[in-house]
Amino acid sequence: MSATAYAPRHEDHVPIVPREHLDFGLDGDIPRYWMDNDAFKTRFFDAMSTLFPQGEKFFITSVREFRDDVKDPQLQKEVRDFTRQEAQHSMVHRQFNDRLAAQGVDIDYINRALEQHFFERLPRFTSRYQRLAATAALEHLTAMMCTCFFERRELLETSDPRVRAMYAWHAIEEVEHKAVAYDVLTKVAKVSYFRRVLSMMIVSIGFPLTVASIMNHMFKVDGFGFTERLKLWAKGLWWFYKPGGLFPPTLGYYFAYYKPRFHPWKVKEMPSYGKWLETYEATGDAIAAGNALHAAGR
């Protein structure tokens, strides 16, 4: 997505709508390598799923630390809706992660390690302002991936529609609340530009390293030896970073965050957002809505 596609006014953004009790059929016969029958592509998305339960809890906690300072009624409502959406994301990804645990992935260890990092180490060494700045940066990265990945139909073309639907729903709601942490950061906490971009630099290093570590654990669980893992990484990194690959088209969106006058709603939501919403409201079927969102990509 072009980072120069601007909404005319911040208030024109889409509403935040918490959705509950969606059925993605995650207890069905989903293949181990549900994305293109490819271990690297599948495990990239699987590794991100393992981060969400504790990560979403961290986001909620970081924003709530400023809840009493939020005086604007609209922002208060958006914080409440943001909290409800993130809590639902945690719940659904826990269900998905149960599949991974059944495959031998040490979900309990990953959860413990993330919980210690987010809720024991970080509170000792960082301020609530730093944690909120990290949350705003991670929310931008999440919205970036949600928007840019679902714009490109070929990326998820051969993925299992049930898992794709889960990520489509998650993407839609991340886009809806992408500005909440940022607005609390800049309007309530009044964090400086320097702290904002420094946090983005830090999470831009820490996030991919964490995902890579979890992926490597998954490859070992899958029985890949050292040489096989090297081949997986070589092929996978080319898929990530080749011209037109997974990440180069997201760079405009990413670097928009470094603009002094940046705001998340200056970068428009995914063009196919309305197609997901229209389909879900008409059918109540999250999988049909996910298929519609995917089909609307370019």
C-alpha atoms as a PDB file:
ATOM      1  CA  MET A   1       0.000   0.000   0.000  1.00  0.00           C
ATOM      2  CA  SER A   2       1.215   3.492  -0.790  1.00  0.00           C
ATOM      3  CA  ALA A   3       1.917   5.513   2.341  1.00  0.00           C
ATOM      4  CA  THR A   4       0.791   8.596   0.428  1.00  0.00           C
ATOM      5  CA  ALA A   5      -2.846   7.479   0.315  1.00  0.00           C
ATOM      6  CA  TYR A   6      -4.281   9.849   2.846  1.00  0.00           C
ATOM      7  CA  ALA A   7      -7.718  10.097   4.384  1.00  0.00           C
ATOM      8  CA  PRO A   8      -9.004  13.694   4.253  1.00  0.00           C
ATOM      9  CA  ARG A   9      -9.733  13.922   7.984  1.00  0.00           C
ATOM     10  CA  HIS A  10      -8.877  11.686  10.966  1.00  0.00           C
ATOM     11  CA  GLU A  11     -12.526  11.492  11.976  1.00  0.00           C
ATOM     12  CA  ASP A  12     -13.389   9.780   8.689  1.00  0.00           C
ATOM     13  CA  HIS A  13     -11.900   6.502   9.870  1.00  0.00           C
ATOM     14  CA  VAL A  14     -13.889   3.292  10.115  1.00  0.00           C
ATOM     15  CA  PRO A  15     -15.582   2.503  13.460  1.00  0.00           C
ATOM     16  CA  ILE A  16     -14.219   0.009  15.986  1.00  0.00           C
ATOM     17  CA  VAL A  17     -16.675  -2.892  16.230  1.00  0.00           C
ATOM     18  CA  PRO A  18     -15.912  -5.716  18.694  1.00  0.00           C
ATOM     19  CA  ARG A  19     -17.108  -9.051  17.286  1.00  0.00           C
ATOM     20  CA  GLU A  20     -17.534 -12.161  19.414  1.00  0.00           C
ATOM     21  CA  HIS A  21     -18.359 -15.866  18.974  1.00  0.00           C
ATOM     22  CA  LEU A  22     -16.978 -16.131  15.442  1.00  0.00           C
ATOM     23  CA  ASP A  23     -16.528 -19.707  14.201  1.00  0.00           C
ATOM     24  CA  PHE A  24     -13.474 -20.407  12.058  1.00  0.00           C
ATOM     25  CA  GLY A  25     -13.608 -24.193  12.241  1.00  0.00           C
ATOM     26  CA  LEU A  26     -10.199 -24.324  13.898  1.00  0.00           C
ATOM     27  CA  ASP A  27     -10.957 -27.711  15.424  1.00  0.00           C
ATOM     28  CA  GLY A  28     -11.232 -29.240  11.945  1.00  0.00           C
ATOM     29  CA  ASP A  29      -8.704 -31.127   9.823  1.00  0.00           C
ATOM     30  CA  ILE A  30      -6.425 -28.189   9.022  1.00  0.00           C
ATOM     31  CA  PRO A  31      -3.196 -29.390   7.350  1.00  0.00           C
ATOM     32  CA  ARG A  32       0.066 -29.026   9.273  1.00  0.00           C
ATOM     33  CA  TYR A  33       1.427 -26.803   6.502  1.00  0.00           C
ATOM     34  CA  TRP A  34      -1.770 -24.931   5.771  1.00  0.00           C
ATOM     35  CA  MET A  35      -0.160 -22.232   3.614  1.00  0.00           C
ATOM     36  CA  ASP A  36       0.895 -23.411   0.161  1.00  0.00           C
ATOM     37  CA  ASN A  37       2.009 -26.722   1.742  1.00  0.00           C
ATOM     38  CA  ASP A  38       5.140 -24.745   2.627  1.00  0.00           C
ATOM     39  CA  ALA A  39       6.849 -25.163   6.015  1.00  0.00           C
ATOM     40  CA  PHE A  40       8.483 -21.720   6.067  1.00  0.00           C
ATOM     41  CA  LYS A  41       5.420 -19.704   5.027  1.00  0.00           C
ATOM     42  CA  THR A  42       3.148 -21.619   7.393  1.00  0.00           C
ATOM     43  CA  ARG A  43       5.480 -21.407  10.365  1.00  0.00           C
ATOM     44  CA  PHE A  44       5.957 -17.663   9.866  1.00  0.00           C
ATOM     45  CA  PHE A  45       2.238 -17.083  10.453  1.00  0.00           C
ATOM     46  CA  ASP A  46       2.098 -19.801  13.129  1.00  0.00           C
ATOM     47  CA  ALA A  47       4.938 -18.124  15.035  1.00  0.00           C
ATOM     48  CA  MET A  48       3.101 -14.809  14.985  1.00  0.00           C
ATOM     49  CA  SER A  49       0.013 -16.548  16.353  1.00  0.00           C
ATOM     50  CA  THR A  50       1.997 -17.764  19.363  1.00  0.00           C
ATOM     51  CA  LEU A  51       2.832 -14.131  20.185  1.00  0.00           C
ATOM     52  CA  PHE A  52      -0.711 -12.805  20.164  1.00  0.00           C
ATOM     53  CA  PRO A  53      -2.182 -14.022  23.487  1.00  0.00           C
ATOM     54  CA  GLN A  54       0.527 -12.422  25.628  1.00  0.00           C
ATOM     55  CA  GLY A  55       1.169  -9.622  23.131  1.00  0.00           C
ATOM     56  CA  GLU A  56      -2.462  -8.520  23.050  1.00  0.00           C
ATOM     57  CA  LYS A  57      -2.558  -8.651  26.860  1.00  0.00           C
ATOM     58  CA  PHE A  58       0.504  -6.384  26.923  1.00  0.00           C
ATOM     59  CA  PHE A  59      -1.163  -3.934  24.525  1.00  0.00           C
ATOM     60  CA  ILE A  60      -4.300  -3.807  26.670  1.00  0.00           C
ATOM     61  CA  THR A  61      -2.283  -3.321  29.870  1.00  0.00           C
ATOM     62  CA  SER A  62      -0.101  -0.582  28.354  1.00  0.00           C
ATOM     63  CA  VAL A  63      -3.108   1.437  27.186  1.00  0.00           C
ATOM     64  CA  ARG A  64      -5.037   0.858  30.413  1.00  0.00           C
ATOM     65  CA  GLU A  65      -2.171   2.327  32.427  1.00  0.00           C
ATOM     66  CA  PHE A  66      -3.339   5.691  31.044  1.00  0.00           C
ATOM     67  CA  ARG A  67      -7.068   5.011  31.273  1.00  0.00           C
ATOM     68  CA  ASP A  68      -7.646   7.433  34.151  1.00  0.00           C
ATOM     69  CA  ASP A  69      -5.876  10.186  32.198  1.00  0.00           C
ATOM     70  CA  VAL A  70      -8.121   9.866  29.150  1.00  0.00           C
ATOM     71  CA  LYS A  71     -10.763  12.617  29.403  1.00  0.00           C
ATOM     72  CA  ASP A  72     -12.138  12.701  25.865  1.00  0.00           C
ATOM     73  CA  PRO A  73     -15.380  10.618  25.751  1.00  0.00           C
ATOM     74  CA  GLN A  74     -14.760   9.399  22.200  1.00  0.00           C
ATOM     75  CA  LEU A  75     -11.255   8.207  23.022  1.00  0.00           C
ATOM     76  CA  GLN A  76     -12.558   6.565  26.205  1.00  0.00           C
ATOM     77  CA  LYS A  77     -15.036   4.578  24.086  1.00  0.00           C
ATOM     78  CA  GLU A  78     -12.333   3.659  21.580  1.00  0.00           C
ATOM     79  CA  VAL A  79     -10.105   2.390  24.397  1.00  0.00           C
ATOM     80  CA  ARG A  80     -12.953   0.176  25.645  1.00  0.00           C
ATOM     81  CA  ASP A  81     -13.647  -1.180  22.151  1.00  0.00           C
ATOM     82  CA  PHE A  82      -9.920  -1.676  21.512  1.00  0.00           C
ATOM     83  CA  THR A  83      -9.725  -3.707  24.723  1.00  0.00           C
ATOM     84  CA  ARG A  84     -12.658  -5.902  23.728  1.00  0.00           C
ATOM     85  CA  GLN A  85     -11.246  -6.568  20.272  1.00  0.00           C
ATOM     86  CA  GLU A  86      -7.787  -7.435  21.569  1.00  0.00           C
ATOM     87  CA  ALA A  87      -9.243  -9.772  24.194  1.00  0.00           C
ATOM     88  CA  GLN A  88     -11.138 -11.649  21.470  1.00  0.00           C
ATOM     89  CA  HIS A  89      -7.982 -11.926  19.376  1.00  0.00           C
ATOM     90  CA  SER A  90      -6.177 -13.519  22.324  1.00  0.00           C
ATOM     91  CA  MET A  91      -8.994 -16.011  22.820  1.00  0.00           C
ATOM     92  CA  VAL A  92      -9.140 -17.153  19.196  1.00  0.00           C
ATOM     93  CA  HIS A  93      -5.371 -17.405  18.820  1.00  0.00           C
ATOM     94  CA  ARG A  94      -5.197 -19.513  21.977  1.00  0.00           C
ATOM     95  CA  GLN A  95      -7.566 -21.941  20.271  1.00  0.00           C
ATOM     96  CA  PHE A  96      -5.391 -21.948  17.151  1.00  0.00           C
ATOM     97  CA  ASN A  97      -2.273 -22.392  19.264  1.00  0.00           C
ATOM     98  CA  ASP A  98      -3.779 -25.523  20.823  1.00  0.00           C
ATOM     99  CA  ARG A  99      -3.329 -27.097  17.377  1.00  0.00           C
ATOM    100  CA  LEU A 100       0.330 -26.156  17.442  1.00  0.00           C
ATOM    101  CA  ALA A 101       0.766 -27.628  20.909  1.00  0.00           C
ATOM    102  CA  ALA A 102      -0.735 -30.899  19.645  1.00  0.00           C
ATOM    103  CA  GLN A 103       1.968 -30.888  16.950  1.00  0.00           C
ATOM    104  CA  GLY A 104       4.685 -30.699  19.607  1.00  0.00           C
ATOM    105  CA  VAL A 105       5.300 -26.942  19.636  1.00  0.00           C
ATOM    106  CA  ASP A 106       6.096 -25.878  23.205  1.00  0.00           C
ATOM    107  CA  ILE A 107       3.329 -23.301  23.530  1.00  0.00           C
ATOM    108  CA  ASP A 108       3.522 -23.363  27.339  1.00  0.00           C
ATOM    109  CA  TYR A 109       7.209 -22.410  27.274  1.00  0.00           C
ATOM    110  CA  ILE A 110       6.615 -19.649  24.711  1.00  0.00           C
ATOM    111  CA  ASN A 111       3.762 -18.237  26.819  1.00  0.00           C
ATOM    112  CA  ARG A 112       5.858 -18.313  30.009  1.00  0.00           C
ATOM    113  CA  ALA A 113       8.809 -16.631  28.304  1.00  0.00           C
ATOM    114  CA  LEU A 114       6.619 -13.891  26.832  1.00  0.00           C
ATOM    115  CA  GLU A 115       4.766 -13.375  30.105  1.00  0.00           C
ATOM    116  CA  GLN A 116       8.052 -12.955  31.982  1.00  0.00           C
ATOM    117  CA  HIS A 117       9.307 -10.514  29.350  1.00  0.00           C
ATOM    118  CA  PHE A 118       6.177  -8.364  29.134  1.00  0.00           C
ATOM    119  CA  PHE A 119       4.984  -8.409  32.737  1.00  0.00           C
ATOM    120  CA  GLU A 120       8.069  -8.998  34.882  1.00  0.00           C
ATOM    121  CA  ARG A 121      11.205  -7.694  33.139  1.00  0.00           C
ATOM    122  CA  LEU A 122       9.775  -4.758  31.176  1.00  0.00           C
ATOM    123  CA  PRO A 123       7.950  -3.178  34.163  1.00  0.00           C
ATOM    124  CA  ARG A 124      11.221  -3.268  36.126  1.00  0.00           C
ATOM    125  CA  PHE A 125      13.293  -1.521  33.472  1.00  0.00           C
ATOM    126  CA  THR A 126      10.857   0.671  31.541  1.00  0.00           C
ATOM    127  CA  SER A 127       8.312   3.382  32.302  1.00  0.00           C
ATOM    128  CA  ARG A 128       4.650   3.222  31.387  1.00  0.00           C
ATOM    129  CA  TYR A 129       5.438   5.805  28.678  1.00  0.00           C
ATOM    130  CA  GLN A 130       8.011   3.523  27.083  1.00  0.00           C
ATOM    131  CA  ARG A 131       5.661   0.547  27.199  1.00  0.00           C
ATOM    132  CA  LEU A 132       2.881   2.580  25.581  1.00  0.00           C
ATOM    133  CA  ALA A 133       5.308   3.785  22.893  1.00  0.00           C
ATOM    134  CA  ALA A 134       6.282   0.181  22.189  1.00  0.00           C
ATOM    135  CA  THR A 135       2.596  -0.750  21.951  1.00  0.00           C
ATOM    136  CA  ALA A 136       1.885   2.048  19.464  1.00  0.00           C
ATOM    137  CA  ALA A 137       4.857   0.958  17.351  1.00  0.00           C
ATOM    138  CA  LEU A 138       3.795  -2.700  17.381  1.00  0.00           C
ATOM    139  CA  GLU A 139       0.228  -1.723  16.522  1.00  0.00           C
ATOM    140  CA  HIS A 140       1.580   0.136  13.491  1.00  0.00           C
ATOM    141  CA  LEU A 141       3.575  -2.919  12.393  1.00  0.00           C
ATOM    142  CA  THR A 142       0.522  -5.125  12.847  1.00  0.00           C
ATOM    143  CA  ALA A 143      -1.751  -2.788  10.871  1.00  0.00           C
ATOM    144  CA  MET A 144       0.935  -2.535   8.188  1.00  0.00           C
ATOM    145  CA  MET A 145       1.097  -6.312   7.748  1.00  0.00           C
ATOM    146  CA  CYS A 146      -2.681  -6.694   7.885  1.00  0.00           C
ATOM    147  CA  THR A 147      -3.277  -4.041   5.248  1.00  0.00           C
ATOM    148  CA  CYS A 148      -0.422  -4.854   2.897  1.00  0.00           C
ATOM    149  CA  PHE A 149      -0.659  -8.640   3.044  1.00  0.00           C
ATOM    150  CA  PHE A 150      -4.387  -8.754   2.325  1.00  0.00           C
ATOM    151  CA  GLU A 151      -4.067  -6.319  -0.553  1.00  0.00           C
ATOM    152  CA  ARG A 152      -2.102  -8.964  -2.470  1.00  0.00           C
ATOM    153  CA  ARG A 153      -4.268 -11.917  -3.410  1.00  0.00           C
ATOM    154  CA  GLU A 154      -1.361 -14.175  -4.425  1.00  0.00           C
ATOM    155  CA  LEU A 155       0.165 -14.207  -0.926  1.00  0.00           C
ATOM    156  CA  LEU A 156      -2.618 -16.252   0.653  1.00  0.00           C
ATOM    157  CA  GLU A 157      -4.048 -17.794  -2.511  1.00  0.00           C
ATOM    158  CA  THR A 158      -3.238 -21.394  -1.607  1.00  0.00           C
ATOM    159  CA  SER A 159      -3.789 -21.157   2.152  1.00  0.00           C
ATOM    160  CA  ASP A 160      -6.444 -23.032   4.106  1.00  0.00           C
ATOM    161  CA  PRO A 161      -9.591 -20.843   4.038  1.00  0.00           C
ATOM    162  CA  ARG A 162     -10.267 -21.403   7.760  1.00  0.00           C
ATOM    163  CA  VAL A 163      -6.896 -20.072   8.891  1.00  0.00           C
ATOM    164  CA  ARG A 164      -7.017 -17.342   6.256  1.00  0.00           C
ATOM    165  CA  ALA A 165     -10.436 -16.307   7.602  1.00  0.00           C
ATOM    166  CA  MET A 166      -9.043 -16.072  11.138  1.00  0.00           C
ATOM    167  CA  TYR A 167      -6.246 -13.804   9.981  1.00  0.00           C
ATOM    168  CA  ALA A 168      -8.670 -11.798   7.803  1.00  0.00           C
ATOM    169  CA  TRP A 169     -10.924 -11.076  10.805  1.00  0.00           C
ATOM    170  CA  HIS A 170      -7.882 -10.207  12.912  1.00  0.00           C
ATOM    171  CA  ALA A 171      -6.657  -7.913  10.129  1.00  0.00           C
ATOM    172  CA  ILE A 172      -9.991  -6.112   9.831  1.00  0.00           C
ATOM    173  CA  GLU A 173     -10.127  -5.359  13.544  1.00  0.00           C
ATOM    174  CA  GLU A 174      -6.470  -4.325  13.724  1.00  0.00           C
ATOM    175  CA  VAL A 175      -7.184  -1.797  10.992  1.00  0.00           C
ATOM    176  CA  GLU A 176     -10.243  -0.540  12.888  1.00  0.00           C
ATOM    177  CA  HIS A 177      -8.351   0.186  16.102  1.00  0.00           C
ATOM    178  CA  LYS A 178      -4.923   0.998  14.671  1.00  0.00           C
ATOM    179  CA  ALA A 179      -4.944   4.577  16.006  1.00  0.00           C
ATOM    180  CA  VAL A 180      -6.084   3.968  19.605  1.00  0.00           C
ATOM    181  CA  ALA A 181      -2.694   3.342  21.237  1.00  0.00           C
ATOM    182  CA  TYR A 182      -1.170   6.103  19.115  1.00  0.00           C
ATOM    183  CA  ASP A 183      -3.818   8.620  20.178  1.00  0.00           C
ATOM    184  CA  VAL A 184      -3.316   7.763  23.849  1.00  0.00           C
ATOM    185  CA  LEU A 185       0.449   8.048  23.298  1.00  0.00           C
ATOM    186  CA  THR A 186       0.357  11.465  21.640  1.00  0.00           C
ATOM    187  CA  LYS A 187      -2.784  13.119  23.035  1.00  0.00           C
ATOM    188  CA  VAL A 188      -2.770  11.799  26.605  1.00  0.00           C
ATOM    189  CA  ALA A 189       0.767  10.655  27.447  1.00  0.00           C
ATOM    190  CA  LYS A 190       2.168  13.379  25.151  1.00  0.00           C
ATOM    191  CA  VAL A 191       5.253  11.334  24.354  1.00  0.00           C
ATOM    192  CA  SER A 192       7.893  13.104  22.281  1.00  0.00           C
ATOM    193  CA  TYR A 193       8.658  12.395  18.635  1.00  0.00           C
ATOM    194  CA  PHE A 194      12.091  11.068  19.628  1.00  0.00           C
ATOM    195  CA  ARG A 195      10.680   8.502  22.058  1.00  0.00           C
ATOM    196  CA  ARG A 196       8.058   7.458  19.534  1.00  0.00           C
ATOM    197  CA  VAL A 197      10.519   6.718  16.743  1.00  0.00           C
ATOM    198  CA  LEU A 198      13.113   5.220  19.098  1.00  0.00           C
ATOM    199  CA  SER A 199      10.525   2.701  20.230  1.00  0.00           C
ATOM    200  CA  MET A 200       9.780   1.851  16.613  1.00  0.00           C
ATOM    201  CA  MET A 201      13.474   1.244  15.945  1.00  0.00           C
ATOM    202  CA  ILE A 202      13.724  -1.057  18.964  1.00  0.00           C
ATOM    203  CA  VAL A 203      10.646  -3.151  18.168  1.00  0.00           C
ATOM    204  CA  SER A 204      11.671  -3.308  14.499  1.00  0.00           C
ATOM    205  CA  ILE A 205      14.673  -5.327  15.663  1.00  0.00           C
ATOM    206  CA  GLY A 206      13.157  -7.251  18.552  1.00  0.00           C
ATOM    207  CA  PHE A 207       9.944  -8.374  16.862  1.00  0.00           C
ATOM    208  CA  PRO A 208      11.463 -10.186  13.852  1.00  0.00           C
ATOM    209  CA  LEU A 209      14.167 -11.781  16.018  1.00  0.00           C
ATOM    210  CA  THR A 210      11.506 -13.153  18.361  1.00  0.00           C
ATOM    211  CA  VAL A 211       9.463 -14.526  15.459  1.00  0.00           C
ATOM    212  CA  ALA A 212      12.581 -16.086  13.926  1.00  0.00           C
ATOM    213  CA  SER A 213      13.471 -17.807  17.196  1.00  0.00           C
ATOM    214  CA  ILE A 214      10.004 -19.348  17.472  1.00  0.00           C
ATOM    215  CA  MET A 215      10.074 -20.413  13.829  1.00  0.00           C
ATOM    216  CA  ASN A 216      13.392 -22.175  14.350  1.00  0.00           C
ATOM    217  CA  HIS A 217      11.902 -24.059  17.312  1.00  0.00           C
ATOM    218  CA  MET A 218       8.989 -25.098  15.094  1.00  0.00           C
ATOM    219  CA  PHE A 219      11.332 -26.342  12.376  1.00  0.00           C
ATOM    220  CA  LYS A 220      13.093 -28.526  14.942  1.00  0.00           C
ATOM    221  CA  VAL A 221       9.747 -29.882  16.127  1.00  0.00           C
ATOM    222  CA  ASP A 222       8.954 -30.680  12.488  1.00  0.00           C
ATOM    223  CA  GLY A 223      12.097 -32.796  12.309  1.00  0.00           C
ATOM    224  CA  PHE A 224      14.238 -30.601  10.072  1.00  0.00           C
ATOM    225  CA  GLY A 225      17.961 -31.060  10.664  1.00  0.00           C
ATOM    226  CA  PHE A 226      20.503 -28.238  10.727  1.00  0.00           C
ATOM    227  CA  THR A 227      21.235 -28.325   6.992  1.00  0.00           C
ATOM    228  CA  GLU A 228      17.559 -28.560   6.125  1.00  0.00           C
ATOM    229  CA  ARG A 229      16.812 -25.574   8.335  1.00  0.00           C
ATOM    230  CA  LEU A 230      19.526 -23.546   6.606  1.00  0.00           C
ATOM    231  CA  LYS A 231      17.898 -24.310   3.260  1.00  0.00           C
ATOM    232  CA  LEU A 232      14.484 -23.350   4.625  1.00  0.00           C
ATOM    233  CA  TRP A 233      15.836 -20.032   5.894  1.00  0.00           C
ATOM    234  CA  ALA A 234      17.671 -19.281   2.641  1.00  0.00           C
ATOM    235  CA  LYS A 235      14.557 -19.888   0.561  1.00  0.00           C
ATOM    236  CA  GLY A 236      12.293 -18.180   3.089  1.00  0.00           C
ATOM    237  CA  LEU A 237      14.402 -15.038   3.441  1.00  0.00           C
ATOM    238  CA  TRP A 238      14.348 -14.676  -0.343  1.00  0.00           C
ATOM    239  CA  TRP A 239      10.532 -14.908  -0.169  1.00  0.00           C
ATOM    240  CA  PHE A 240      10.585 -12.218   2.543  1.00  0.00           C
ATOM    241  CA  TYR A 241      12.932  -9.707   0.957  1.00  0.00           C
ATOM    242  CA  LYS A 242      13.191 -10.299  -2.801  1.00  0.00           C
ATOM    243  CA  PRO A 243      11.900  -7.487  -5.050  1.00  0.00           C
ATOM    244  CA  GLY A 244       8.132  -7.742  -4.839  1.00  0.00           C
ATOM    245  CA  GLY A 245       8.417 -10.241  -1.977  1.00  0.00           C
ATOM    246  CA  LEU A 246       6.541 -10.215   1.310  1.00  0.00           C
ATOM    247  CA  PHE A 247       8.078  -7.131   2.916  1.00  0.00           C
ATOM    248  CA  PRO A 248       9.438  -4.659   0.284  1.00  0.00           C
ATOM    249  CA  PRO A 249       5.925  -3.462  -0.671  1.00  0.00           C
ATOM    250  CA  THR A 250       5.265  -2.576   2.984  1.00  0.00           C
ATOM    251  CA  LEU A 251       8.185  -0.148   3.296  1.00  0.00           C
ATOM    252  CA  GLY A 252       6.199   2.973   2.430  1.00  0.00           C
ATOM    253  CA  TYR A 253       3.687   2.143   5.130  1.00  0.00           C
ATOM    254  CA  TYR A 254       6.449   1.347   7.620  1.00  0.00           C
ATOM    255  CA  PHE A 255       8.456   4.537   7.114  1.00  0.00           C
ATOM    256  CA  ALA A 256       5.349   6.724   7.324  1.00  0.00           C
ATOM    257  CA  TYR A 257       5.628   6.254  11.106  1.00  0.00           C
ATOM    258  CA  TYR A 258       8.856   8.288  11.126  1.00  0.00           C
ATOM    259  CA  LYS A 259       7.193  11.420   9.754  1.00  0.00           C
ATOM    260  CA  PRO A 260       6.913  14.114  12.452  1.00  0.00           C
ATOM    261  CA  ARG A 261       3.252  14.757  11.627  1.00  0.00           C
ATOM    262  CA  PHE A 262       2.285  11.128  11.142  1.00  0.00           C
ATOM    263  CA  HIS A 263      -1.087   9.818  12.257  1.00  0.00           C
ATOM    264  CA  PRO A 264      -2.339   6.251  11.627  1.00  0.00           C
ATOM    265  CA  TRP A 265      -5.450   7.496   9.850  1.00  0.00           C
ATOM    266  CA  LYS A 266      -3.345   9.394   7.332  1.00  0.00           C
ATOM    267  CA  VAL A 267      -2.712   5.953   5.867  1.00  0.00           C
ATOM    268  CA  LYS A 268      -6.026   4.596   4.608  1.00  0.00           C
ATOM    269  CA  GLU A 269      -7.446   1.268   5.648  1.00  0.00           C
ATOM    270  CA  MET A 270      -7.213  -1.646   3.220  1.00  0.00           C
ATOM    271  CA  PRO A 271      -9.314  -0.979   0.091  1.00  0.00           C
ATOM    272  CA  SER A 272     -11.102  -4.331   0.463  1.00  0.00           C
ATOM    273  CA  TYR A 273     -12.191  -3.622   4.067  1.00  0.00           C
ATOM    274  CA  GLY A 274     -15.726  -2.860   2.928  1.00  0.00           C
ATOM    275  CA  LYS A 275     -16.003  -6.195   1.121  1.00  0.00           C
ATOM    276  CA  TRP A 276     -15.265  -8.135   4.335  1.00  0.00           C
ATOM    277  CA  LEU A 277     -17.734  -6.021   6.296  1.00  0.00           C
ATOM    278  CA  GLU A 278     -20.479  -6.305   3.682  1.00  0.00           C
ATOM    279  CA  THR A 279     -20.119 -10.089   3.434  1.00  0.00           C
ATOM    280  CA  TYR A 280     -19.984 -10.661   7.174  1.00  0.00           C
ATOM    281  CA  GLU A 281     -22.992  -8.453   7.871  1.00  0.00           C
ATOM    282  CA  ALA A 282     -24.979 -10.236   5.152  1.00  0.00           C
ATOM    283  CA  THR A 283     -24.043 -13.799   6.109  1.00  0.00           C
ATOM    284  CA  GLY A 284     -22.655 -13.831   9.657  1.00  0.00           C
ATOM    285  CA  ASP A 285     -20.086 -16.258   8.229  1.00  0.00           C
ATOM    286  CA  ALA A 286     -16.490 -15.331   9.091  1.00  0.00           C
ATOM    287  CA  ILE A 287     -15.056 -17.804   6.578  1.00  0.00           C
ATOM    288  CA  ALA A 288     -17.178 -16.409   3.735  1.00  0.00           C
ATOM    289  CA  ALA A 289     -16.088 -12.891   4.753  1.00  0.00           C
ATOM    290  CA  GLY A 290     -12.444 -13.997   4.760  1.00  0.00           C
ATOM    291  CA  ASN A 291     -12.853 -15.478   1.284  1.00  0.00           C
ATOM    292  CA  ALA A 292     -14.445 -12.242   0.084  1.00  0.00           C
ATOM    293  CA  LEU A 293     -11.620 -10.142   1.522  1.00  0.00           C
ATOM    294  CA  HIS A 294      -9.045 -12.366  -0.129  1.00  0.00           C
ATOM    295  CA  ALA A 295     -10.845 -12.350  -3.478  1.00  0.00           C
ATOM    296  CA  ALA A 296     -10.992  -8.540  -3.440  1.00  0.00           C
ATOM    297  CA  GLY A 297      -7.191  -8.255  -3.276  1.00  0.00           C
ATOM    298  CA  ARG A 298      -5.150  -7.252  -6.282  1.00  0.00           C
END
